[in-house]
Amino acid sequence: VVRSIRRKAGTGGCDLADVEFQDPLTSSRHILPFAGP
């Protein structure tokens, strides 16, 4: 689930989406930044 968008925060000025997900191996939850592609 996208928790927030950070405009032009990535390498080369790309937008980053902070995404919350559950690790399928450990069941722990994480929020990490991802580029759109």
Full PDB file with SEQRES, HELIX, SHEET, SSBOND, CRYST1, ORIGX, SCALE, CONECT and MASTER records, all heavy atoms in Angstrom:
SEQRES   1 A   37  VAL VAL ARG SER ILE ARG ARG LYS ALA GLY THR GLY GLY          
SEQRES   2 A   37  CYS ASP LEU ALA ASP VAL GLU PHE GLN ASP PRO LEU THR          
SEQRES   3 A   37  SER SER ARG HIS ILE LEU PRO PHE ALA GLY PRO                  
HELIX    1 AA1 THR A   11  GLY A   13  5                                   3    
SHEET    1 AA1 3 VAL A   2  ARG A   6  0                                        
SHEET    2 AA1 3 LEU A  16  GLN A  22 -1                                        
SHEET    3 AA1 3 ARG A  29  ALA A  35 -1                                        
CRYST1    1.000    1.000    1.000  90.00  90.00  90.00 P 1           1          
ORIGX1      1.000000  0.000000  0.000000        0.00000                         
ORIGX2      0.000000  1.000000  0.000000        0.00000                         
ORIGX3      0.000000  0.000000  1.000000        0.00000                         
SCALE1      1.000000  0.000000  0.000000        0.00000                         
SCALE2      0.000000  1.000000  0.000000        0.00000                         
SCALE3      0.000000  0.000000  1.000000        0.00000                         
ATOM      1  N   VAL A   1       0.856  -1.187   0.000  1.00  0.00           N  
ATOM      2  CA  VAL A   1       0.000   0.000   0.000  1.00  0.00           C  
ATOM      3  C   VAL A   1       0.891   1.235   0.000  1.00  0.00           C  
ATOM      4  O   VAL A   1       1.798   1.352   0.822  1.00  0.00           O  
ATOM      5  CB  VAL A   1      -0.924   0.024   1.239  1.00  0.00           C  
ATOM      6  CG1 VAL A   1      -1.768   1.285   1.256  1.00  0.00           C  
ATOM      7  CG2 VAL A   1      -1.806  -1.212   1.279  1.00  0.00           C  
ATOM      8  N   VAL A   2       0.619   2.146  -0.927  1.00  0.00           N  
ATOM      9  CA  VAL A   2       1.369   3.399  -0.979  1.00  0.00           C  
ATOM     10  C   VAL A   2       0.956   4.245   0.223  1.00  0.00           C  
ATOM     11  O   VAL A   2      -0.223   4.518   0.429  1.00  0.00           O  
ATOM     12  CB  VAL A   2       1.091   4.169  -2.290  1.00  0.00           C  
ATOM     13  CG1 VAL A   2       1.794   5.523  -2.281  1.00  0.00           C  
ATOM     14  CG2 VAL A   2       1.510   3.345  -3.494  1.00  0.00           C  
ATOM     15  N   ARG A   3       1.928   4.617   1.039  1.00  0.00           N  
ATOM     16  CA  ARG A   3       1.661   5.436   2.229  1.00  0.00           C  
ATOM     17  C   ARG A   3       1.888   6.914   1.963  1.00  0.00           C  
ATOM     18  O   ARG A   3       1.215   7.757   2.538  1.00  0.00           O  
ATOM     19  CB  ARG A   3       2.508   4.968   3.412  1.00  0.00           C  
ATOM     20  CG  ARG A   3       2.123   3.597   3.905  1.00  0.00           C  
ATOM     21  CD  ARG A   3       0.686   3.608   4.349  1.00  0.00           C  
ATOM     22  NE  ARG A   3       0.242   2.282   4.769  1.00  0.00           N  
ATOM     23  CZ  ARG A   3      -1.010   1.917   4.811  1.00  0.00           C  
ATOM     24  NH1 ARG A   3      -1.966   2.747   4.445  1.00  0.00           N  
ATOM     25  NH2 ARG A   3      -1.337   0.712   5.210  1.00  0.00           N  
ATOM     26  N   SER A   4       2.849   7.231   1.083  1.00  0.00           N  
ATOM     27  CA  SER A   4       3.083   8.632   0.719  1.00  0.00           C  
ATOM     28  C   SER A   4       3.879   8.684  -0.576  1.00  0.00           C  
ATOM     29  O   SER A   4       4.495   7.705  -0.979  1.00  0.00           O  
ATOM     30  CB  SER A   4       3.836   9.366   1.833  1.00  0.00           C  
ATOM     31  OG  SER A   4       5.116   8.807   2.025  1.00  0.00           O  
ATOM     32  N   ILE A   5       3.827   9.844  -1.218  1.00  0.00           N  
ATOM     33  CA  ILE A   5       4.599  10.101  -2.426  1.00  0.00           C  
ATOM     34  C   ILE A   5       5.548  11.251  -2.114  1.00  0.00           C  
ATOM     35  O   ILE A   5       5.150  12.269  -1.555  1.00  0.00           O  
ATOM     36  CB  ILE A   5       3.686  10.507  -3.607  1.00  0.00           C  
ATOM     37  CG1 ILE A   5       2.684   9.411  -3.926  1.00  0.00           C  
ATOM     38  CG2 ILE A   5       4.514  10.888  -4.830  1.00  0.00           C  
ATOM     39  CD1 ILE A   5       3.271   8.164  -4.536  1.00  0.00           C  
ATOM     40  N   ARG A   6       6.803  11.062  -2.473  1.00  0.00           N  
ATOM     41  CA  ARG A   6       7.796  12.135  -2.303  1.00  0.00           C  
ATOM     42  C   ARG A   6       8.243  12.568  -3.692  1.00  0.00           C  
ATOM     43  O   ARG A   6       8.974  11.855  -4.368  1.00  0.00           O  
ATOM     44  CB  ARG A   6       8.964  11.652  -1.448  1.00  0.00           C  
ATOM     45  CG  ARG A   6       8.535  11.403  -0.010  1.00  0.00           C  
ATOM     46  CD  ARG A   6       9.693  11.050   0.880  1.00  0.00           C  
ATOM     47  NE  ARG A   6      10.039   9.644   0.694  1.00  0.00           N  
ATOM     48  CZ  ARG A   6      11.277   9.164   0.769  1.00  0.00           C  
ATOM     49  NH1 ARG A   6      12.289   9.969   0.998  1.00  0.00           N  
ATOM     50  NH2 ARG A   6      11.504   7.876   0.608  1.00  0.00           N  
ATOM     51  N   ARG A   7       7.769  13.720  -4.099  1.00  0.00           N  
ATOM     52  CA  ARG A   7       8.047  14.234  -5.440  1.00  0.00           C  
ATOM     53  C   ARG A   7       9.524  14.591  -5.585  1.00  0.00           C  
ATOM     54  O   ARG A   7      10.099  15.242  -4.723  1.00  0.00           O  
ATOM     55  CB  ARG A   7       7.187  15.467  -5.738  1.00  0.00           C  
ATOM     56  CG  ARG A   7       5.690  15.208  -5.626  1.00  0.00           C  
ATOM     57  CD  ARG A   7       5.176  14.401  -6.784  1.00  0.00           C  
ATOM     58  NE  ARG A   7       3.742  14.123  -6.597  1.00  0.00           N  
ATOM     59  CZ  ARG A   7       3.139  13.068  -7.085  1.00  0.00           C  
ATOM     60  NH1 ARG A   7       3.812  12.190  -7.780  1.00  0.00           N  
ATOM     61  NH2 ARG A   7       1.867  12.876  -6.882  1.00  0.00           N  
ATOM     62  N   LYS A   8      10.110  14.112  -6.673  1.00  0.00           N  
ATOM     63  CA  LYS A   8      11.489  14.421  -7.067  1.00  0.00           C  
ATOM     64  C   LYS A   8      12.523  14.112  -5.985  1.00  0.00           C  
ATOM     65  O   LYS A   8      13.564  14.732  -5.914  1.00  0.00           O  
ATOM     66  CB  LYS A   8      11.589  15.882  -7.498  1.00  0.00           C  
ATOM     67  CG  LYS A   8      10.682  16.169  -8.681  1.00  0.00           C  
ATOM     68  CD  LYS A   8      10.844  17.564  -9.200  1.00  0.00           C  
ATOM     69  CE  LYS A   8       9.866  17.722 -10.355  1.00  0.00           C  
ATOM     70  NZ  LYS A   8       9.995  18.877 -11.103  1.00  0.00           N  
ATOM     71  N   ALA A   9      12.240  13.113  -5.143  1.00  0.00           N  
ATOM     72  CA  ALA A   9      13.154  12.764  -4.044  1.00  0.00           C  
ATOM     73  C   ALA A   9      14.150  11.673  -4.423  1.00  0.00           C  
ATOM     74  O   ALA A   9      15.094  11.419  -3.690  1.00  0.00           O  
ATOM     75  CB  ALA A   9      12.356  12.318  -2.820  1.00  0.00           C  
ATOM     76  N   GLY A  10      13.941  11.032  -5.565  1.00  0.00           N  
ATOM     77  CA  GLY A  10      14.808   9.927  -5.955  1.00  0.00           C  
ATOM     78  C   GLY A  10      15.968  10.355  -6.831  1.00  0.00           C  
ATOM     79  O   GLY A  10      16.112  11.531  -7.184  1.00  0.00           O  
ATOM     80  N   THR A  11      16.772   9.394  -7.196  1.00  0.00           N  
ATOM     81  CA  THR A  11      17.910   9.641  -8.072  1.00  0.00           C  
ATOM     82  C   THR A  11      17.440  10.262  -9.382  1.00  0.00           C  
ATOM     83  O   THR A  11      16.481   9.786  -9.978  1.00  0.00           O  
ATOM     84  CB  THR A  11      18.652   8.319  -8.364  1.00  0.00           C  
ATOM     85  OG1 THR A  11      19.026   7.731  -7.123  1.00  0.00           O  
ATOM     86  CG2 THR A  11      19.872   8.543  -9.222  1.00  0.00           C  
ATOM     87  N   GLY A  12      18.102  11.325  -9.786  1.00  0.00           N  
ATOM     88  CA  GLY A  12      17.729  11.991 -11.029  1.00  0.00           C  
ATOM     89  C   GLY A  12      16.423  12.750 -10.934  1.00  0.00           C  
ATOM     90  O   GLY A  12      15.851  13.131 -11.948  1.00  0.00           O  
ATOM     91  N   GLY A  13      15.937  12.935  -9.723  1.00  0.00           N  
ATOM     92  CA  GLY A  13      14.699  13.692  -9.541  1.00  0.00           C  
ATOM     93  C   GLY A  13      13.422  12.906  -9.763  1.00  0.00           C  
ATOM     94  O   GLY A  13      12.349  13.483  -9.923  1.00  0.00           O  
ATOM     95  N   CYS A  14      13.505  11.571  -9.746  1.00  0.00           N  
ATOM     96  CA  CYS A  14      12.275  10.780  -9.927  1.00  0.00           C  
ATOM     97  C   CYS A  14      11.457  10.791  -8.630  1.00  0.00           C  
ATOM     98  O   CYS A  14      11.981  10.999  -7.539  1.00  0.00           O  
ATOM     99  CB  CYS A  14      12.599   9.355 -10.351  1.00  0.00           C  
ATOM    100  SG  CYS A  14      13.278   8.306  -9.064  1.00  0.00           S  
ATOM    101  N   ASP A  15      10.175  10.591  -8.781  1.00  0.00           N  
ATOM    102  CA  ASP A  15       9.289  10.512  -7.620  1.00  0.00           C  
ATOM    103  C   ASP A  15       9.494   9.172  -6.916  1.00  0.00           C  
ATOM    104  O   ASP A  15       9.757   8.155  -7.560  1.00  0.00           O  
ATOM    105  CB  ASP A  15       7.824  10.618  -8.038  1.00  0.00           C  
ATOM    106  CG  ASP A  15       7.485  11.992  -8.609  1.00  0.00           C  
ATOM    107  OD1 ASP A  15       8.280  12.934  -8.419  1.00  0.00           O  
ATOM    108  OD2 ASP A  15       6.412  12.119  -9.236  1.00  0.00           O  
ATOM    109  N   LEU A  16       9.360   9.180  -5.602  1.00  0.00           N  
ATOM    110  CA  LEU A  16       9.429   7.954  -4.811  1.00  0.00           C  
ATOM    111  C   LEU A  16       8.100   7.726  -4.114  1.00  0.00           C  
ATOM    112  O   LEU A  16       7.480   8.665  -3.616  1.00  0.00           O  
ATOM    113  CB  LEU A  16      10.534   8.048  -3.757  1.00  0.00           C  
ATOM    114  CG  LEU A  16      11.965   8.102  -4.259  1.00  0.00           C  
ATOM    115  CD1 LEU A  16      12.927   8.234  -3.089  1.00  0.00           C  
ATOM    116  CD2 LEU A  16      12.307   6.871  -5.084  1.00  0.00           C  
ATOM    117  N   ALA A  17       7.684   6.472  -4.082  1.00  0.00           N  
ATOM    118  CA  ALA A  17       6.490   6.074  -3.342  1.00  0.00           C  
ATOM    119  C   ALA A  17       6.943   5.272  -2.128  1.00  0.00           C  
ATOM    120  O   ALA A  17       7.677   4.292  -2.267  1.00  0.00           O  
ATOM    121  CB  ALA A  17       5.579   5.222  -4.223  1.00  0.00           C  
ATOM    122  N   ASP A  18       6.538   5.712  -0.941  1.00  0.00           N  
ATOM    123  CA  ASP A  18       6.807   4.937   0.272  1.00  0.00           C  
ATOM    124  C   ASP A  18       5.712   3.883   0.378  1.00  0.00           C  
ATOM    125  O   ASP A  18       4.536   4.212   0.520  1.00  0.00           O  
ATOM    126  CB  ASP A  18       6.816   5.847   1.502  1.00  0.00           C  
ATOM    127  CG  ASP A  18       7.990   6.809   1.479  1.00  0.00           C  
ATOM    128  OD1 ASP A  18       9.100   6.383   1.112  1.00  0.00           O  
ATOM    129  OD2 ASP A  18       7.802   7.987   1.823  1.00  0.00           O  
ATOM    130  N   VAL A  19       6.101   2.616   0.276  1.00  0.00           N  
ATOM    131  CA  VAL A  19       5.147   1.504   0.204  1.00  0.00           C  
ATOM    132  C   VAL A  19       5.283   0.628   1.442  1.00  0.00           C  
ATOM    133  O   VAL A  19       6.385   0.206   1.801  1.00  0.00           O  
ATOM    134  CB  VAL A  19       5.374   0.666  -1.074  1.00  0.00           C  
ATOM    135  CG1 VAL A  19       4.421  -0.519  -1.124  1.00  0.00           C  
ATOM    136  CG2 VAL A  19       5.221   1.541  -2.315  1.00  0.00           C  
ATOM    137  N   GLU A  20       4.149   0.347   2.071  1.00  0.00           N  
ATOM    138  CA  GLU A  20       4.122  -0.580   3.208  1.00  0.00           C  
ATOM    139  C   GLU A  20       3.765  -1.967   2.681  1.00  0.00           C  
ATOM    140  O   GLU A  20       2.817  -2.124   1.914  1.00  0.00           O  
ATOM    141  CB  GLU A  20       3.088  -0.143   4.241  1.00  0.00           C  
ATOM    142  CG  GLU A  20       3.034  -1.055   5.440  1.00  0.00           C  
ATOM    143  CD  GLU A  20       2.054  -0.592   6.505  1.00  0.00           C  
ATOM    144  OE1 GLU A  20       1.357   0.420   6.301  1.00  0.00           O  
ATOM    145  OE2 GLU A  20       1.988  -1.263   7.535  1.00  0.00           O  
ATOM    146  N   PHE A  21       4.556  -2.941   3.105  1.00  0.00           N  
ATOM    147  CA  PHE A  21       4.292  -4.318   2.689  1.00  0.00           C  
ATOM    148  C   PHE A  21       4.727  -5.266   3.794  1.00  0.00           C  
ATOM    149  O   PHE A  21       5.496  -4.908   4.678  1.00  0.00           O  
ATOM    150  CB  PHE A  21       5.025  -4.654   1.376  1.00  0.00           C  
ATOM    151  CG  PHE A  21       6.525  -4.628   1.480  1.00  0.00           C  
ATOM    152  CD1 PHE A  21       7.239  -5.790   1.706  1.00  0.00           C  
ATOM    153  CD2 PHE A  21       7.219  -3.434   1.358  1.00  0.00           C  
ATOM    154  CE1 PHE A  21       8.626  -5.767   1.805  1.00  0.00           C  
ATOM    155  CE2 PHE A  21       8.607  -3.402   1.448  1.00  0.00           C  
ATOM    156  CZ  PHE A  21       9.308  -4.571   1.670  1.00  0.00           C  
ATOM    157  N   GLN A  22       4.207  -6.490   3.711  1.00  0.00           N  
ATOM    158  CA  GLN A  22       4.579  -7.531   4.663  1.00  0.00           C  
ATOM    159  C   GLN A  22       5.555  -8.472   3.984  1.00  0.00           C  
ATOM    160  O   GLN A  22       5.270  -9.011   2.909  1.00  0.00           O  
ATOM    161  CB  GLN A  22       3.348  -8.301   5.128  1.00  0.00           C  
ATOM    162  CG  GLN A  22       3.660  -9.326   6.189  1.00  0.00           C  
ATOM    163  CD  GLN A  22       2.398  -9.935   6.778  1.00  0.00           C  
ATOM    164  OE1 GLN A  22       1.301  -9.542   6.437  1.00  0.00           O  
ATOM    165  NE2 GLN A  22       2.569 -10.899   7.643  1.00  0.00           N  
ATOM    166  N   ASP A  23       6.717  -8.661   4.608  1.00  0.00           N  
ATOM    167  CA  ASP A  23       7.724  -9.562   4.071  1.00  0.00           C  
ATOM    168  C   ASP A  23       7.179 -10.983   4.103  1.00  0.00           C  
ATOM    169  O   ASP A  23       6.784 -11.475   5.159  1.00  0.00           O  
ATOM    170  CB  ASP A  23       9.005  -9.458   4.911  1.00  0.00           C  
ATOM    171  CG  ASP A  23      10.150 -10.239   4.317  1.00  0.00           C  
ATOM    172  OD1 ASP A  23       9.965 -11.439   4.009  1.00  0.00           O  
ATOM    173  OD2 ASP A  23      11.227  -9.663   4.171  1.00  0.00           O  
ATOM    174  N   PRO A  24       7.117 -11.669   2.948  1.00  0.00           N  
ATOM    175  CA  PRO A  24       6.547 -13.016   2.920  1.00  0.00           C  
ATOM    176  C   PRO A  24       7.388 -14.056   3.657  1.00  0.00           C  
ATOM    177  O   PRO A  24       6.887 -15.113   4.016  1.00  0.00           O  
ATOM    178  CB  PRO A  24       6.461 -13.339   1.430  1.00  0.00           C  
ATOM    179  CG  PRO A  24       7.449 -12.443   0.783  1.00  0.00           C  
ATOM    180  CD  PRO A  24       7.552 -11.219   1.629  1.00  0.00           C  
ATOM    181  N   LEU A  25       8.644 -13.762   3.889  1.00  0.00           N  
ATOM    182  CA  LEU A  25       9.523 -14.727   4.551  1.00  0.00           C  
ATOM    183  C   LEU A  25       9.508 -14.585   6.069  1.00  0.00           C  
ATOM    184  O   LEU A  25       9.579 -15.574   6.788  1.00  0.00           O  
ATOM    185  CB  LEU A  25      10.955 -14.577   4.034  1.00  0.00           C  
ATOM    186  CG  LEU A  25      11.117 -14.747   2.529  1.00  0.00           C  
ATOM    187  CD1 LEU A  25      12.532 -14.408   2.097  1.00  0.00           C  
ATOM    188  CD2 LEU A  25      10.742 -16.151   2.107  1.00  0.00           C  
ATOM    189  N   THR A  26       9.424 -13.354   6.554  1.00  0.00           N  
ATOM    190  CA  THR A  26       9.523 -13.111   7.994  1.00  0.00           C  
ATOM    191  C   THR A  26       8.218 -12.622   8.610  1.00  0.00           C  
ATOM    192  O   THR A  26       8.114 -12.535   9.829  1.00  0.00           O  
ATOM    193  CB  THR A  26      10.603 -12.067   8.290  1.00  0.00           C  
ATOM    194  OG1 THR A  26      10.202 -10.811   7.717  1.00  0.00           O  
ATOM    195  CG2 THR A  26      11.950 -12.486   7.729  1.00  0.00           C  
ATOM    196  N   SER A  27       7.250 -12.255   7.786  1.00  0.00           N  
ATOM    197  CA  SER A  27       5.967 -11.676   8.208  1.00  0.00           C  
ATOM    198  C   SER A  27       6.121 -10.298   8.850  1.00  0.00           C  
ATOM    199  O   SER A  27       5.151  -9.745   9.346  1.00  0.00           O  
ATOM    200  CB  SER A  27       5.204 -12.603   9.164  1.00  0.00           C  
ATOM    201  OG  SER A  27       4.874 -13.798   8.491  1.00  0.00           O  
ATOM    202  N   SER A  28       7.321  -9.735   8.836  1.00  0.00           N  
ATOM    203  CA  SER A  28       7.492  -8.386   9.385  1.00  0.00           C  
ATOM    204  C   SER A  28       7.016  -7.358   8.362  1.00  0.00           C  
ATOM    205  O   SER A  28       7.039  -7.599   7.157  1.00  0.00           O  
ATOM    206  CB  SER A  28       8.950  -8.140   9.772  1.00  0.00           C  
ATOM    207  OG  SER A  28       9.782  -8.295   8.644  1.00  0.00           O  
ATOM    208  N   ARG A  29       6.542  -6.229   8.868  1.00  0.00           N  
ATOM    209  CA  ARG A  29       6.044  -5.162   8.009  1.00  0.00           C  
ATOM    210  C   ARG A  29       7.147  -4.124   7.810  1.00  0.00           C  
ATOM    211  O   ARG A  29       7.909  -3.831   8.718  1.00  0.00           O  
ATOM    212  CB  ARG A  29       4.816  -4.523   8.621  1.00  0.00           C  
ATOM    213  CG  ARG A  29       3.661  -5.548   8.717  1.00  0.00           C  
ATOM    214  CD  ARG A  29       2.343  -4.944   9.079  1.00  0.00           C  
ATOM    215  NE  ARG A  29       1.488  -4.497   8.012  1.00  0.00           N  
ATOM    216  CZ  ARG A  29       1.089  -5.163   6.951  1.00  0.00           C  
ATOM    217  NH1 ARG A  29       1.532  -6.360   6.746  1.00  0.00           N  
ATOM    218  NH2 ARG A  29       0.266  -4.660   6.079  1.00  0.00           N  
ATOM    219  N   HIS A  30       7.193  -3.582   6.595  1.00  0.00           N  
ATOM    220  CA  HIS A  30       8.198  -2.583   6.244  1.00  0.00           C  
ATOM    221  C   HIS A  30       7.532  -1.457   5.468  1.00  0.00           C  
ATOM    222  O   HIS A  30       6.550  -1.676   4.767  1.00  0.00           O  
ATOM    223  CB  HIS A  30       9.295  -3.181   5.354  1.00  0.00           C  
ATOM    224  CG  HIS A  30       9.973  -4.365   5.940  1.00  0.00           C  
ATOM    225  ND1 HIS A  30      10.964  -4.264   6.885  1.00  0.00           N  
ATOM    226  CD2 HIS A  30       9.793  -5.689   5.726  1.00  0.00           C  
ATOM    227  CE1 HIS A  30      11.378  -5.460   7.213  1.00  0.00           C  
ATOM    228  NE2 HIS A  30      10.677  -6.355   6.529  1.00  0.00           N  
ATOM    229  N   ILE A  31       8.109  -0.270   5.557  1.00  0.00           N  
ATOM    230  CA  ILE A  31       7.765   0.831   4.663  1.00  0.00           C  
ATOM    231  C   ILE A  31       9.077   1.267   4.027  1.00  0.00           C  
ATOM    232  O   ILE A  31       9.991   1.715   4.711  1.00  0.00           O  
ATOM    233  CB  ILE A  31       7.107   2.012   5.398  1.00  0.00           C  
ATOM    234  CG1 ILE A  31       5.786   1.581   6.040  1.00  0.00           C  
ATOM    235  CG2 ILE A  31       6.875   3.167   4.415  1.00  0.00           C  
ATOM    236  CD1 ILE A  31       5.115   2.663   6.852  1.00  0.00           C  
ATOM    237  N   LEU A  32       9.164   1.087   2.711  1.00  0.00           N  
ATOM    238  CA  LEU A  32      10.384   1.413   1.980  1.00  0.00           C  
ATOM    239  C   LEU A  32      10.039   2.231   0.744  1.00  0.00           C  
ATOM    240  O   LEU A  32       8.933   2.120   0.197  1.00  0.00           O  
ATOM    241  CB  LEU A  32      11.108   0.133   1.563  1.00  0.00           C  
ATOM    242  CG  LEU A  32      11.670  -0.726   2.693  1.00  0.00           C  
ATOM    243  CD1 LEU A  32      12.194  -2.040   2.146  1.00  0.00           C  
ATOM    244  CD2 LEU A  32      12.767   0.017   3.429  1.00  0.00           C  
ATOM    245  N   PRO A  33      10.997   3.035   0.272  1.00  0.00           N  
ATOM    246  CA  PRO A  33      10.748   3.837  -0.933  1.00  0.00           C  
ATOM    247  C   PRO A  33      10.982   3.029  -2.215  1.00  0.00           C  
ATOM    248  O   PRO A  33      11.905   2.225  -2.296  1.00  0.00           O  
ATOM    249  CB  PRO A  33      11.791   4.958  -0.813  1.00  0.00           C  
ATOM    250  CG  PRO A  33      12.912   4.340  -0.043  1.00  0.00           C  
ATOM    251  CD  PRO A  33      12.271   3.351   0.898  1.00  0.00           C  
ATOM    252  N   PHE A  34      10.121   3.263  -3.189  1.00  0.00           N  
ATOM    253  CA  PHE A  34      10.233   2.617  -4.489  1.00  0.00           C  
ATOM    254  C   PHE A  34      10.016   3.649  -5.584  1.00  0.00           C  
ATOM    255  O   PHE A  34       9.156   4.514  -5.466  1.00  0.00           O  
ATOM    256  CB  PHE A  34       9.179   1.514  -4.657  1.00  0.00           C  
ATOM    257  CG  PHE A  34       9.389   0.337  -3.766  1.00  0.00           C  
ATOM    258  CD1 PHE A  34       8.815   0.297  -2.509  1.00  0.00           C  
ATOM    259  CD2 PHE A  34      10.169  -0.718  -4.183  1.00  0.00           C  
ATOM    260  CE1 PHE A  34       9.015  -0.790  -1.672  1.00  0.00           C  
ATOM    261  CE2 PHE A  34      10.375  -1.812  -3.356  1.00  0.00           C  
ATOM    262  CZ  PHE A  34       9.798  -1.849  -2.100  1.00  0.00           C  
ATOM    263  N   ALA A  35      10.790   3.531  -6.658  1.00  0.00           N  
ATOM    264  CA  ALA A  35      10.550   4.346  -7.849  1.00  0.00           C  
ATOM    265  C   ALA A  35       9.363   3.749  -8.606  1.00  0.00           C  
ATOM    266  O   ALA A  35       9.086   2.545  -8.514  1.00  0.00           O  
ATOM    267  CB  ALA A  35      11.789   4.362  -8.731  1.00  0.00           C  
ATOM    268  N   GLY A  36       8.678   4.579  -9.337  1.00  0.00           N  
ATOM    269  CA  GLY A  36       7.477   4.160 -10.067  1.00  0.00           C  
ATOM    270  C   GLY A  36       7.627   2.918 -10.916  1.00  0.00           C  
ATOM    271  O   GLY A  36       6.749   2.048 -10.907  1.00  0.00           O  
ATOM    272  N   PRO A  37       8.730   2.750 -11.675  1.00  0.00           N  
ATOM    273  CA  PRO A  37       8.849   1.556 -12.519  1.00  0.00           C  
ATOM    274  C   PRO A  37       8.926   0.240 -11.745  1.00  0.00           C  
ATOM    275  O   PRO A  37       8.769  -0.820 -12.324  1.00  0.00           O  
ATOM    276  CB  PRO A  37      10.153   1.807 -13.295  1.00  0.00           C  
ATOM    277  CG  PRO A  37      10.302   3.287 -13.315  1.00  0.00           C  
ATOM    278  CD  PRO A  37       9.757   3.756 -11.997  1.00  0.00           C  
TER     279      PRO A  37                                                      
MASTER        0    0    0    1    3    0    0    6  278    1    0    3          
END                                                                             
